[in-house]
Each structure stands twice: as C-alpha cells, then as structure tokens.
C-alpha cells in the first residue's frame, strides 16, 4: 500500500474515531452481535447443512488424508491443471493427479496460462454456520483471483474454524491477517464470502452456473 493510500485510510479512520467520541449515545464497547438467525445444533453440522443447501459439495477428510482426498476430486472432474495458493494447508509436494501450478506470479506474468486453468485450491479462513458460507481473505500468498477464475474450486477448511455468524467471520479473517502480518492494526485488502458455485438467472428465471465464478465448488472439511 502506498503512502497516499495510507494517508487517506488514516484520515478516514481518524474521522470515524472523532465522530464516535462525540456521539455519546453509542454504547462503548459496542453491543456484541449475536446474529439475526437462530440456529440449533453443533456449528459443524449446521454449516454442512446450510452449505449443501447452497449447492456446495461437502467432503470430509483429515489433515493426513488431504492429498488423497484432493486427488480423488481431481480424478472425478478430470482436472488437467490446478492452480493453488501458497498458503494452503497441505504439502504441495504430496499432491498428485494433475499438473499443479503455484500462484506465485503476477497476473501479467502468467496471463496466457492463468485463464485456461480448470481447477484451483484455496485455503478458507473460516466457515459461517448460520449462512453456510466460506470466508476468504486475500494477501500475497492468497490472491483473490484464484477463487474466481476456474470452473472448479476446492476450498480447504479446518473443522475447528467454523463460527456462528457473519460478524464473527469478519473478525476471524481480520485476526488471521493481523497475526500473519505481525501488525495489530492491519486490515486485509479483500475479504470474500463464498456461498457455493456461482449462479445467475436470466429474465426467464433459468439458472446458469459458472457465470461470475466457479461452476462447481468443493469444501474439504478436515
């Protein structure tokens, strides 16, 4: 981030702090968000149900079996090339079943190849149970484009990283990026919430998958 952007951000945050200090009716600390949707049962089961309802495919595995689970998904989808982010929670040397391409170069450097890759692997920060969605945060090891440009996207999600509601998901992503960067005031450049495969409908209400993002999505819970 350049100095101009830093100055603009600091000015905006300064105005917000000043405004809050002058509006004494705002509780301090702010009231804790409990979520508008009341859910029953365990967070894991709630997430699985709601994400499946969003048309995402849930696959359960373990940390040790991630390479085999990924290989099986690639085989089912006849994947040829796989783009993966540098921060995925699996040893890339153990991956098999396709040609694996680390996303470590800029778009301009690999543009000729990037938009022809059929599958990507992305590390999710957390899952939001009451909506059945995934939370991603972008950084140098996790470019946001990797979750948007392939026909199939495989998301990796530890089972313990499931929170109840959207507010908790945002706080989780912010905490992750602050720990990663070593800066307690750091804000991620981009946070993405993924409900499942991309879909849209035309004027006749015919649903089409894959227009704005992946046509097919998997979440590997481990």
Protein backbone atom coordinates (compact mmCIF):
# COMPACT_ATOMS: atom_id res chain seq x y z
CA UNK A 1 0.00 0.00 0.00
CA UNK A 2 1.48 3.37 -0.97
CA UNK A 3 1.81 6.42 1.27
CA UNK A 4 -1.14 8.19 -0.39
CA UNK A 5 -3.43 5.26 0.40
CA UNK A 6 -2.13 5.13 3.96
CA UNK A 7 -2.81 8.83 4.41
CA UNK A 8 -6.36 8.50 3.08
CA UNK A 9 -7.07 5.50 5.30
CA UNK A 10 -5.69 7.23 8.39
CA UNK A 11 -7.78 10.31 7.67
CA UNK A 12 -10.98 8.27 7.28
CA UNK A 13 -10.32 6.26 10.44
CA UNK A 14 -9.49 9.46 12.31
CA UNK A 15 -12.83 11.00 11.33
CA UNK A 16 -14.65 7.87 12.46
CA UNK A 17 -12.93 7.93 15.85
CA UNK A 18 -13.75 11.61 16.27
CA UNK A 19 -17.38 11.02 15.31
CA UNK A 20 -17.74 8.13 17.76
CA UNK A 21 -16.21 10.19 20.59
CA UNK A 22 -18.76 12.97 20.02
CA UNK A 23 -21.78 10.66 19.76
CA UNK A 24 -22.14 9.68 23.39
CA UNK A 25 -25.33 7.70 22.76
CA UNK A 26 -23.27 4.94 21.08
CA UNK A 27 -22.53 2.20 23.66
CA UNK A 28 -18.86 1.63 24.41
CA UNK A 29 -17.91 -1.10 23.90
CA UNK A 30 -20.39 -1.71 21.07
CA UNK A 31 -23.03 -4.38 21.80
CA UNK A 32 -21.97 -7.88 20.83
CA UNK A 33 -23.60 -9.15 17.65
CA UNK A 34 -25.46 -12.39 18.28
CA UNK A 35 -26.68 -12.99 14.74
CA UNK A 36 -30.11 -12.50 13.26
CA UNK A 37 -30.61 -16.18 12.54
CA UNK A 38 -31.09 -18.52 15.49
CA UNK A 39 -29.58 -21.94 14.88
CA UNK A 40 -29.85 -25.25 16.65
CA UNK A 41 -27.25 -27.99 16.94
CA UNK A 42 -23.50 -28.03 16.51
CA UNK A 43 -21.79 -25.43 14.32
CA UNK A 44 -20.21 -28.11 12.11
CA UNK A 45 -23.49 -29.84 11.32
CA UNK A 46 -25.27 -26.53 10.77
CA UNK A 47 -22.56 -25.39 8.37
CA UNK A 48 -22.68 -28.66 6.43
CA UNK A 49 -26.46 -28.48 6.05
CA UNK A 50 -26.56 -24.84 5.01
CA UNK A 51 -23.60 -25.05 2.64
CA UNK A 52 -25.09 -28.12 0.97
CA UNK A 53 -28.32 -26.13 0.55
CA UNK A 54 -26.19 -23.51 -1.22
CA UNK A 55 -25.22 -26.22 -3.76
CA UNK A 56 -21.65 -26.55 -2.48
CA UNK A 57 -20.25 -30.09 -2.23
CA UNK A 58 -19.03 -31.14 1.22
CA UNK A 59 -16.25 -33.73 1.53
CA UNK A 60 -14.95 -34.81 4.94
CA UNK A 61 -11.34 -35.83 5.36
CA UNK A 62 -8.40 -35.42 7.75
CA UNK A 63 -5.19 -33.39 7.66
CA UNK A 64 -3.20 -36.53 6.84
CA UNK A 65 -5.54 -37.61 4.04
CA UNK A 66 -5.86 -34.23 2.30
CA UNK A 67 -3.60 -35.18 -0.66
CA UNK A 68 -5.61 -38.37 -1.34
CA UNK A 69 -8.94 -36.56 -0.97
CA UNK A 70 -7.84 -33.82 -3.36
CA UNK A 71 -6.57 -36.42 -5.86
CA UNK A 72 -9.95 -38.16 -5.82
CA UNK A 73 -11.82 -34.92 -6.53
CA UNK A 74 -9.42 -34.11 -9.37
CA UNK A 75 -9.96 -37.58 -10.83
CA UNK A 76 -13.75 -37.23 -10.68
CA UNK A 77 -13.56 -33.90 -12.51
CA UNK A 78 -10.86 -34.97 -14.99
CA UNK A 79 -8.74 -31.99 -13.95
CA UNK A 80 -5.70 -31.24 -16.07
CA UNK A 81 -4.16 -28.15 -14.45
CA UNK A 82 -4.58 -26.99 -10.86
CA UNK A 83 -3.79 -23.52 -9.57
CA UNK A 84 -3.04 -23.42 -5.84
CA UNK A 85 -2.32 -20.65 -3.37
CA UNK A 86 0.96 -20.69 -1.47
CA UNK A 87 -0.82 -20.72 1.91
CA UNK A 88 -2.80 -23.96 1.50
CA UNK A 89 -2.61 -26.28 4.50
CA UNK A 90 -1.11 -29.22 2.60
CA UNK A 91 2.35 -30.10 1.34
CA UNK A 92 2.27 -29.33 -2.38
CA UNK A 93 4.94 -31.99 -2.98
CA UNK A 94 2.39 -34.65 -1.94
CA UNK A 95 -0.28 -33.52 -4.40
CA UNK A 96 -0.91 -35.73 -7.41
CA UNK A 97 -3.40 -36.30 -10.20
CA UNK A 98 -2.80 -33.19 -12.33
CA UNK A 99 -0.29 -30.52 -13.27
CA UNK A 100 -0.02 -28.23 -10.22
CA UNK A 101 0.77 -24.55 -10.69
CA UNK A 102 1.60 -22.34 -7.67
CA UNK A 103 0.03 -18.88 -7.81
CA UNK A 104 3.24 -17.01 -7.06
CA UNK A 105 3.49 -14.71 -10.09
CA UNK A 106 1.52 -11.65 -11.10
CA UNK A 107 -1.43 -11.85 -13.48
CA UNK A 108 0.60 -10.11 -16.19
CA UNK A 109 3.37 -12.71 -15.98
CA UNK A 110 1.10 -15.75 -16.43
CA UNK A 111 -1.96 -14.26 -18.12
CA UNK A 112 -1.59 -16.59 -21.13
CA UNK A 113 -1.86 -19.60 -18.81
CA UNK A 114 -3.93 -18.37 -15.90
CA UNK A 115 -7.33 -18.13 -17.57
CA UNK A 116 -7.12 -21.61 -19.09
CA UNK A 117 -6.62 -23.48 -15.80
CA UNK A 118 -9.64 -25.64 -14.92
CA UNK A 119 -9.27 -26.10 -11.13
CA UNK A 120 -7.96 -24.18 -8.13
CA UNK A 121 -7.25 -24.97 -4.47
CA UNK A 122 -7.87 -22.23 -1.91
CA UNK A 123 -7.48 -22.14 1.87
CA UNK A 124 -10.63 -20.84 3.58
CA UNK A 125 -10.12 -18.81 6.74
CA UNK A 126 -13.36 -19.94 8.36
CA UNK A 127 -16.89 -21.13 7.72
CA UNK A 128 -20.02 -19.23 8.82
CA UNK A 129 -22.52 -21.76 10.16
CA UNK A 130 -25.81 -19.87 10.07
CA UNK A 131 -25.37 -18.92 6.39
CA UNK A 132 -23.36 -21.91 5.21
CA UNK A 133 -20.71 -19.69 3.62
CA UNK A 134 -16.91 -19.58 3.49
CA UNK A 135 -14.76 -16.61 4.43
CA UNK A 136 -11.57 -15.92 2.44
CA UNK A 137 -9.03 -13.16 2.90
CA UNK A 138 -6.60 -12.03 0.21
CA UNK A 139 -2.88 -11.48 0.70
CA UNK A 140 0.34 -12.02 -1.26
CA UNK A 141 0.13 -15.78 -0.69
CA UNK A 142 -3.60 -15.95 -1.43
CA UNK A 143 -4.57 -13.81 -4.45
CA UNK A 144 -8.33 -13.32 -4.64
CA UNK A 145 -8.43 -14.26 -8.34
CA UNK A 146 -7.70 -17.92 -7.54
CA UNK A 147 -11.21 -18.38 -6.16
CA UNK A 148 -12.90 -16.72 -9.14
CA UNK A 149 -11.38 -17.81 -12.45
CA UNK A 150 -11.54 -21.62 -12.58
CA UNK A 151 -14.51 -23.85 -13.42
CA UNK A 152 -13.92 -25.91 -10.27
CA UNK A 153 -12.65 -24.61 -6.94
CA UNK A 154 -11.62 -26.74 -3.96
CA UNK A 155 -11.70 -24.98 -0.58
CA UNK A 156 -9.84 -26.36 2.42
CA UNK A 157 -11.48 -25.70 5.81
CA UNK A 158 -10.42 -26.95 9.26
CA UNK A 159 -13.47 -28.11 11.19
CA UNK A 160 -12.50 -26.03 14.22
CA UNK A 161 -12.58 -22.84 12.12
CA UNK A 162 -16.36 -22.63 11.93
CA UNK A 163 -18.05 -19.66 13.58
CA UNK A 164 -21.70 -18.87 14.15
CA UNK A 165 -22.41 -15.69 12.20
CA UNK A 166 -21.11 -13.17 9.68
CA UNK A 167 -19.69 -10.71 12.22
CA UNK A 168 -17.60 -13.49 13.79
CA UNK A 169 -16.39 -14.48 10.32
CA UNK A 170 -15.13 -10.96 9.59
CA UNK A 171 -13.39 -10.78 12.96
CA UNK A 172 -11.78 -14.17 12.31
CA UNK A 173 -10.36 -13.04 8.96
CA UNK A 174 -9.08 -9.78 10.44
CA UNK A 175 -7.40 -11.62 13.31
CA UNK A 176 -5.78 -14.08 10.90
CA UNK A 177 -4.34 -11.33 8.70
CA UNK A 178 -3.11 -9.33 11.69
CA UNK A 179 -1.30 -12.36 13.07
CA UNK A 180 0.14 -13.19 9.64
CA UNK A 181 1.38 -9.66 9.02
CA UNK A 182 2.58 -9.00 12.58
CA UNK A 183 0.68 -5.71 12.51
CA UNK A 184 -2.09 -5.35 15.11
CA UNK A 185 -3.70 -2.57 13.05
CA UNK A 186 -3.54 -4.39 9.71
CA UNK A 187 -6.71 -4.69 7.65
CA UNK A 188 -6.94 -7.27 4.82
CA UNK A 189 -7.11 -5.77 1.35
CA UNK A 190 -10.02 -8.01 0.46
CA UNK A 191 -12.44 -10.35 2.24
CA UNK A 192 -14.60 -12.67 0.13
CA UNK A 193 -17.59 -14.69 1.27
CA UNK A 194 -18.42 -17.73 -0.84
CA UNK A 195 -21.82 -19.41 -0.64
CA UNK A 196 -21.13 -22.07 -3.26
CA UNK A 197 -20.91 -22.24 -7.04
CA UNK A 198 -21.54 -19.06 -8.99
CA UNK A 199 -25.07 -18.84 -10.35
CA UNK A 200 -27.32 -16.34 -12.01
CA UNK A 201 -30.68 -16.36 -13.75
CA UNK A 202 -31.94 -14.72 -16.92
CA UNK A 203 -35.26 -12.93 -17.39
CA UNK A 204 -36.99 -16.30 -17.78
CA UNK A 205 -35.54 -17.42 -14.41
CA UNK A 206 -33.34 -20.09 -15.97
CA UNK A 207 -30.46 -20.64 -13.55
CA UNK A 208 -27.00 -20.77 -15.06
CA UNK A 209 -23.93 -21.86 -13.10
CA UNK A 210 -20.41 -20.53 -13.55
CA UNK A 211 -21.04 -17.08 -14.99
CA UNK A 212 -19.29 -14.99 -12.34
CA UNK A 213 -17.10 -17.64 -10.72
CA UNK A 214 -16.61 -21.40 -10.36
CA UNK A 215 -19.29 -23.66 -11.79
CA UNK A 216 -18.59 -26.32 -9.19
CA UNK A 217 -17.22 -25.96 -5.65
CA UNK A 218 -15.98 -28.43 -3.04
CA UNK A 219 -15.30 -27.84 0.63
CA UNK A 220 -12.95 -30.35 2.22
CA UNK A 221 -13.55 -30.38 5.97
CA UNK A 222 -10.63 -31.78 7.93
